Amino acid sequence: MRSAGTAMDSIDDLRALRIARALGDPTRFVIYRHIIDAGEMRCGDVGVDTPVQASTVSHHLRVLSEAGLIGSRREGQGVYYRVISASLGGYLRFMRNLERKGRLHASSPV
């Protein structure tokens, strides 16, 4: 797999696919947006506005975490989730780089 750029938060094709798959699920996307809007959310509050059970919310949080999109911290009995903005930024740079390459090739004579 190829890498996109040399910045510390650069991502390779596999990581880009993992992020795309994580955000491609409508429920995970809603959960991700809720965490962004809140800044940080306690695990028990994450699924409040979604029609899914707690075990399903845990699965979605795990997928988002494995994609590097969210991080967590423990405080007492609670787990709190926050967005890792560098991951989304790296993904967006990766996609912009692909788009630029696509435009370059599209404008080249065949």
N, C-alpha and C. Protein backbone atom coordinates (compact mmCIF):
# COMPACT_ATOMS: atom_id res chain seq x y z
N MET A 1 0.84 -1.18 0.00
CA MET A 1 0.00 0.00 0.00
C MET A 1 0.88 1.24 0.00
N ARG A 2 0.38 2.27 -0.63
CA ARG A 2 1.17 3.49 -0.75
C ARG A 2 0.79 4.48 0.34
N SER A 3 1.73 5.35 0.64
CA SER A 3 1.53 6.36 1.67
C SER A 3 1.22 7.70 1.03
N ALA A 4 0.50 8.55 1.74
CA ALA A 4 0.16 9.88 1.24
C ALA A 4 0.90 10.92 2.07
N GLY A 5 2.00 11.44 1.55
CA GLY A 5 2.71 12.50 2.22
C GLY A 5 3.67 12.01 3.28
N THR A 6 4.30 12.98 3.96
CA THR A 6 5.27 12.62 4.98
C THR A 6 4.96 13.23 6.34
N ALA A 7 3.84 13.91 6.49
CA ALA A 7 3.48 14.51 7.77
C ALA A 7 3.25 13.42 8.81
N MET A 8 3.39 13.78 10.06
CA MET A 8 3.25 12.81 11.14
C MET A 8 1.89 12.12 11.12
N ASP A 9 0.85 12.84 10.71
CA ASP A 9 -0.48 12.25 10.69
C ASP A 9 -0.87 11.80 9.29
N SER A 10 0.11 11.54 8.42
CA SER A 10 -0.17 10.99 7.10
C SER A 10 -0.76 9.60 7.25
N ILE A 11 -1.52 9.20 6.27
CA ILE A 11 -2.11 7.87 6.34
C ILE A 11 -1.83 7.12 5.05
N ASP A 12 -1.85 5.81 5.13
CA ASP A 12 -1.66 4.98 3.95
C ASP A 12 -3.03 4.51 3.45
N ASP A 13 -3.02 3.77 2.36
CA ASP A 13 -4.27 3.32 1.75
C ASP A 13 -5.12 2.51 2.72
N LEU A 14 -4.49 1.61 3.46
CA LEU A 14 -5.23 0.76 4.38
C LEU A 14 -5.93 1.58 5.46
N ARG A 15 -5.23 2.54 6.01
CA ARG A 15 -5.84 3.39 7.05
C ARG A 15 -6.95 4.25 6.44
N ALA A 16 -6.75 4.74 5.23
CA ALA A 16 -7.80 5.53 4.56
C ALA A 16 -9.06 4.69 4.37
N LEU A 17 -8.88 3.44 3.97
CA LEU A 17 -10.03 2.54 3.81
C LEU A 17 -10.71 2.27 5.14
N ARG A 18 -9.93 2.10 6.19
CA ARG A 18 -10.50 1.86 7.51
C ARG A 18 -11.34 3.05 7.96
N ILE A 19 -10.84 4.26 7.73
CA ILE A 19 -11.58 5.47 8.10
C ILE A 19 -12.84 5.60 7.25
N ALA A 20 -12.71 5.37 5.94
CA ALA A 20 -13.88 5.47 5.05
C ALA A 20 -14.97 4.48 5.46
N ARG A 21 -14.57 3.26 5.78
CA ARG A 21 -15.55 2.25 6.21
C ARG A 21 -16.19 2.64 7.54
N ALA A 22 -15.39 3.16 8.44
CA ALA A 22 -15.92 3.56 9.75
C ALA A 22 -16.95 4.67 9.60
N LEU A 23 -16.65 5.67 8.80
CA LEU A 23 -17.57 6.80 8.63
C LEU A 23 -18.68 6.51 7.63
N GLY A 24 -18.54 5.44 6.86
CA GLY A 24 -19.54 5.09 5.86
C GLY A 24 -20.80 4.48 6.44
N ASP A 25 -20.76 4.04 7.67
CA ASP A 25 -21.94 3.49 8.33
C ASP A 25 -22.75 4.66 8.92
N PRO A 26 -24.04 4.77 8.58
CA PRO A 26 -24.84 5.91 9.05
C PRO A 26 -24.87 6.06 10.58
N THR A 27 -24.99 4.97 11.30
CA THR A 27 -25.04 5.06 12.77
C THR A 27 -23.70 5.54 13.32
N ARG A 28 -22.60 5.00 12.79
CA ARG A 28 -21.27 5.43 13.26
C ARG A 28 -21.04 6.89 12.94
N PHE A 29 -21.51 7.32 11.78
CA PHE A 29 -21.34 8.72 11.40
C PHE A 29 -22.08 9.63 12.39
N VAL A 30 -23.30 9.24 12.76
CA VAL A 30 -24.08 10.02 13.74
C VAL A 30 -23.35 10.05 15.09
N ILE A 31 -22.85 8.91 15.52
CA ILE A 31 -22.11 8.84 16.79
C ILE A 31 -20.88 9.74 16.72
N TYR A 32 -20.15 9.68 15.62
CA TYR A 32 -18.95 10.52 15.44
C TYR A 32 -19.32 11.99 15.52
N ARG A 33 -20.40 12.37 14.83
CA ARG A 33 -20.87 13.77 14.86
C ARG A 33 -21.24 14.20 16.27
N HIS A 34 -21.92 13.34 17.02
CA HIS A 34 -22.30 13.66 18.40
C HIS A 34 -21.07 13.91 19.26
N ILE A 35 -20.05 13.09 19.08
CA ILE A 35 -18.82 13.27 19.86
C ILE A 35 -18.14 14.57 19.47
N ILE A 36 -18.11 14.88 18.18
CA ILE A 36 -17.54 16.16 17.72
C ILE A 36 -18.29 17.32 18.36
N ASP A 37 -19.62 17.28 18.28
CA ASP A 37 -20.44 18.38 18.81
C ASP A 37 -20.25 18.56 20.31
N ALA A 38 -20.10 17.46 21.03
CA ALA A 38 -19.96 17.52 22.49
C ALA A 38 -18.54 17.85 22.93
N GLY A 39 -17.56 17.57 22.08
CA GLY A 39 -16.17 17.74 22.46
C GLY A 39 -15.63 16.50 23.15
N GLU A 40 -16.42 15.96 24.05
CA GLU A 40 -16.09 14.72 24.75
C GLU A 40 -17.41 14.17 25.29
N MET A 41 -17.57 12.85 25.23
CA MET A 41 -18.81 12.23 25.70
C MET A 41 -18.52 11.01 26.56
N ARG A 42 -19.31 10.89 27.62
CA ARG A 42 -19.25 9.69 28.46
C ARG A 42 -19.88 8.55 27.67
N CYS A 43 -19.32 7.38 27.78
CA CYS A 43 -19.78 6.22 27.02
C CYS A 43 -21.29 6.03 27.10
N GLY A 44 -21.87 6.13 28.28
CA GLY A 44 -23.30 5.93 28.45
C GLY A 44 -24.16 6.96 27.75
N ASP A 45 -23.59 8.12 27.40
CA ASP A 45 -24.35 9.18 26.73
C ASP A 45 -24.24 9.11 25.21
N VAL A 46 -23.30 8.34 24.71
CA VAL A 46 -23.02 8.33 23.27
C VAL A 46 -24.23 7.89 22.45
N GLY A 47 -24.89 6.82 22.85
CA GLY A 47 -25.98 6.27 22.06
C GLY A 47 -27.36 6.82 22.37
N VAL A 48 -27.44 7.85 23.21
CA VAL A 48 -28.74 8.37 23.64
C VAL A 48 -29.61 8.78 22.47
N ASP A 49 -29.06 9.43 21.48
CA ASP A 49 -29.86 9.92 20.34
C ASP A 49 -29.86 8.95 19.15
N THR A 50 -29.46 7.72 19.37
CA THR A 50 -29.48 6.73 18.30
C THR A 50 -30.40 5.58 18.69
N PRO A 51 -31.04 4.96 17.71
CA PRO A 51 -31.99 3.88 18.03
C PRO A 51 -31.34 2.50 18.17
N VAL A 52 -30.12 2.46 18.70
CA VAL A 52 -29.41 1.18 18.81
C VAL A 52 -29.14 0.85 20.28
N GLN A 53 -28.95 -0.42 20.55
CA GLN A 53 -28.70 -0.89 21.91
C GLN A 53 -27.27 -0.59 22.34
N ALA A 54 -27.05 -0.63 23.64
CA ALA A 54 -25.73 -0.30 24.20
C ALA A 54 -24.62 -1.18 23.63
N SER A 55 -24.89 -2.46 23.42
CA SER A 55 -23.85 -3.35 22.88
C SER A 55 -23.48 -2.95 21.46
N THR A 56 -24.47 -2.49 20.70
CA THR A 56 -24.21 -2.04 19.33
C THR A 56 -23.42 -0.74 19.35
N VAL A 57 -23.75 0.16 20.27
CA VAL A 57 -22.99 1.40 20.41
C VAL A 57 -21.54 1.07 20.73
N SER A 58 -21.31 0.12 21.62
CA SER A 58 -19.94 -0.29 21.96
C SER A 58 -19.19 -0.79 20.74
N HIS A 59 -19.87 -1.56 19.90
CA HIS A 59 -19.25 -2.04 18.65
C HIS A 59 -18.85 -0.87 17.77
N HIS A 60 -19.77 0.09 17.60
CA HIS A 60 -19.48 1.25 16.75
C HIS A 60 -18.33 2.08 17.32
N LEU A 61 -18.29 2.24 18.62
CA LEU A 61 -17.18 2.96 19.25
C LEU A 61 -15.86 2.24 19.02
N ARG A 62 -15.87 0.92 19.09
CA ARG A 62 -14.66 0.14 18.84
C ARG A 62 -14.17 0.34 17.40
N VAL A 63 -15.10 0.30 16.43
CA VAL A 63 -14.72 0.49 15.03
C VAL A 63 -14.13 1.89 14.82
N LEU A 64 -14.76 2.91 15.39
CA LEU A 64 -14.24 4.28 15.27
C LEU A 64 -12.87 4.40 15.93
N SER A 65 -12.71 3.74 17.05
CA SER A 65 -11.43 3.77 17.76
C SER A 65 -10.34 3.05 16.97
N GLU A 66 -10.66 1.87 16.43
CA GLU A 66 -9.68 1.11 15.63
C GLU A 66 -9.29 1.85 14.36
N ALA A 67 -10.18 2.69 13.85
CA ALA A 67 -9.86 3.50 12.68
C ALA A 67 -9.03 4.72 13.06
N GLY A 68 -8.85 4.94 14.35
CA GLY A 68 -8.05 6.07 14.82
C GLY A 68 -8.82 7.38 14.86
N LEU A 69 -10.14 7.31 14.73
CA LEU A 69 -10.96 8.52 14.69
C LEU A 69 -11.32 9.06 16.06
N ILE A 70 -11.37 8.19 17.06
CA ILE A 70 -11.69 8.62 18.42
C ILE A 70 -10.70 8.00 19.40
N GLY A 71 -10.55 8.67 20.52
CA GLY A 71 -9.74 8.15 21.61
C GLY A 71 -10.59 8.13 22.87
N SER A 72 -10.10 7.45 23.89
CA SER A 72 -10.87 7.37 25.13
C SER A 72 -9.96 7.56 26.33
N ARG A 73 -10.60 7.90 27.43
CA ARG A 73 -9.89 7.99 28.71
C ARG A 73 -10.83 7.51 29.80
N ARG A 74 -10.25 6.91 30.82
CA ARG A 74 -11.03 6.44 31.97
C ARG A 74 -11.00 7.49 33.07
N GLU A 75 -12.14 7.68 33.68
CA GLU A 75 -12.23 8.54 34.86
C GLU A 75 -13.19 7.87 35.83
N GLY A 76 -12.67 7.35 36.90
CA GLY A 76 -13.50 6.59 37.84
C GLY A 76 -14.09 5.38 37.14
N GLN A 77 -15.40 5.24 37.21
CA GLN A 77 -16.09 4.13 36.56
C GLN A 77 -16.42 4.43 35.10
N GLY A 78 -16.25 5.68 34.67
CA GLY A 78 -16.67 6.07 33.32
C GLY A 78 -15.55 6.06 32.30
N VAL A 79 -15.96 5.91 31.05
CA VAL A 79 -15.05 6.03 29.91
C VAL A 79 -15.56 7.20 29.08
N TYR A 80 -14.66 8.10 28.72
CA TYR A 80 -15.01 9.29 27.96
C TYR A 80 -14.33 9.23 26.59
N TYR A 81 -15.08 9.58 25.55
CA TYR A 81 -14.59 9.53 24.18
C TYR A 81 -14.44 10.94 23.63
N ARG A 82 -13.41 11.12 22.83
CA ARG A 82 -13.16 12.39 22.14
C ARG A 82 -12.66 12.09 20.74
N VAL A 83 -12.81 13.06 19.87
CA VAL A 83 -12.37 12.91 18.48
C VAL A 83 -10.87 13.16 18.41
N ILE A 84 -10.19 12.38 17.58
CA ILE A 84 -8.77 12.62 17.28
C ILE A 84 -8.75 13.35 15.94
N SER A 85 -8.69 14.68 16.01
CA SER A 85 -8.84 15.48 14.79
C SER A 85 -7.72 15.26 13.78
N ALA A 86 -6.53 14.90 14.23
CA ALA A 86 -5.42 14.67 13.30
C ALA A 86 -5.73 13.52 12.35
N SER A 87 -6.50 12.54 12.81
CA SER A 87 -6.84 11.41 11.94
C SER A 87 -7.74 11.84 10.80
N LEU A 88 -8.77 12.62 11.11
CA LEU A 88 -9.66 13.10 10.05
C LEU A 88 -8.90 14.05 9.14
N GLY A 89 -8.05 14.89 9.71
CA GLY A 89 -7.24 15.80 8.90
C GLY A 89 -6.32 15.05 7.95
N GLY A 90 -5.69 13.99 8.43
CA GLY A 90 -4.83 13.17 7.58
C GLY A 90 -5.62 12.51 6.46
N TYR A 91 -6.83 12.04 6.79
CA TYR A 91 -7.70 11.41 5.79
C TYR A 91 -8.11 12.43 4.73
N LEU A 92 -8.47 13.63 5.15
CA LEU A 92 -8.88 14.66 4.18
C LEU A 92 -7.72 15.06 3.28
N ARG A 93 -6.51 15.17 3.84
CA ARG A 93 -5.34 15.47 3.00
C ARG A 93 -5.09 14.34 2.01
N PHE A 94 -5.23 13.11 2.47
CA PHE A 94 -5.06 11.93 1.61
C PHE A 94 -6.04 12.01 0.43
N MET A 95 -7.30 12.30 0.72
CA MET A 95 -8.33 12.36 -0.32
C MET A 95 -8.09 13.54 -1.27
N ARG A 96 -7.67 14.69 -0.72
CA ARG A 96 -7.36 15.85 -1.58
C ARG A 96 -6.20 15.52 -2.51
N ASN A 97 -5.21 14.79 -2.02
CA ASN A 97 -4.08 14.38 -2.84
C ASN A 97 -4.54 13.48 -3.98
N LEU A 98 -5.43 12.54 -3.68
CA LEU A 98 -6.00 11.68 -4.73
C LEU A 98 -6.77 12.50 -5.76
N GLU A 99 -7.53 13.46 -5.27
CA GLU A 99 -8.32 14.31 -6.17
C GLU A 99 -7.40 15.12 -7.09
N ARG A 100 -6.31 15.66 -6.52
CA ARG A 100 -5.35 16.42 -7.34
C ARG A 100 -4.72 15.53 -8.41
N LYS A 101 -4.33 14.32 -8.02
CA LYS A 101 -3.75 13.39 -8.99
C LYS A 101 -4.76 13.05 -10.08
N GLY A 102 -6.01 12.87 -9.69
CA GLY A 102 -7.06 12.58 -10.67
C GLY A 102 -7.24 13.71 -11.65
N ARG A 103 -7.21 14.96 -11.15
CA ARG A 103 -7.34 16.12 -12.04
C ARG A 103 -6.15 16.21 -12.97
N LEU A 104 -4.95 15.96 -12.47
CA LEU A 104 -3.75 16.01 -13.31
C LEU A 104 -3.84 15.00 -14.44
N HIS A 105 -4.23 13.79 -14.11
CA HIS A 105 -4.33 12.74 -15.13
C HIS A 105 -5.48 12.99 -16.09
N ALA A 106 -6.55 13.57 -15.60
CA ALA A 106 -7.71 13.85 -16.46
C ALA A 106 -7.38 14.95 -17.47
N SER A 107 -6.49 15.88 -17.09
CA SER A 107 -6.16 16.97 -18.00
C SER A 107 -4.99 16.64 -18.91
N SER A 108 -4.33 15.51 -18.68
CA SER A 108 -3.20 15.11 -19.53
C SER A 108 -3.72 14.52 -20.83
N PRO A 109 -3.04 14.82 -21.95
CA PRO A 109 -3.45 14.20 -23.22
C PRO A 109 -3.20 12.70 -23.18
N VAL A 110 -4.07 11.97 -23.81
CA VAL A 110 -3.96 10.50 -23.82
C VAL A 110 -3.17 10.04 -25.00
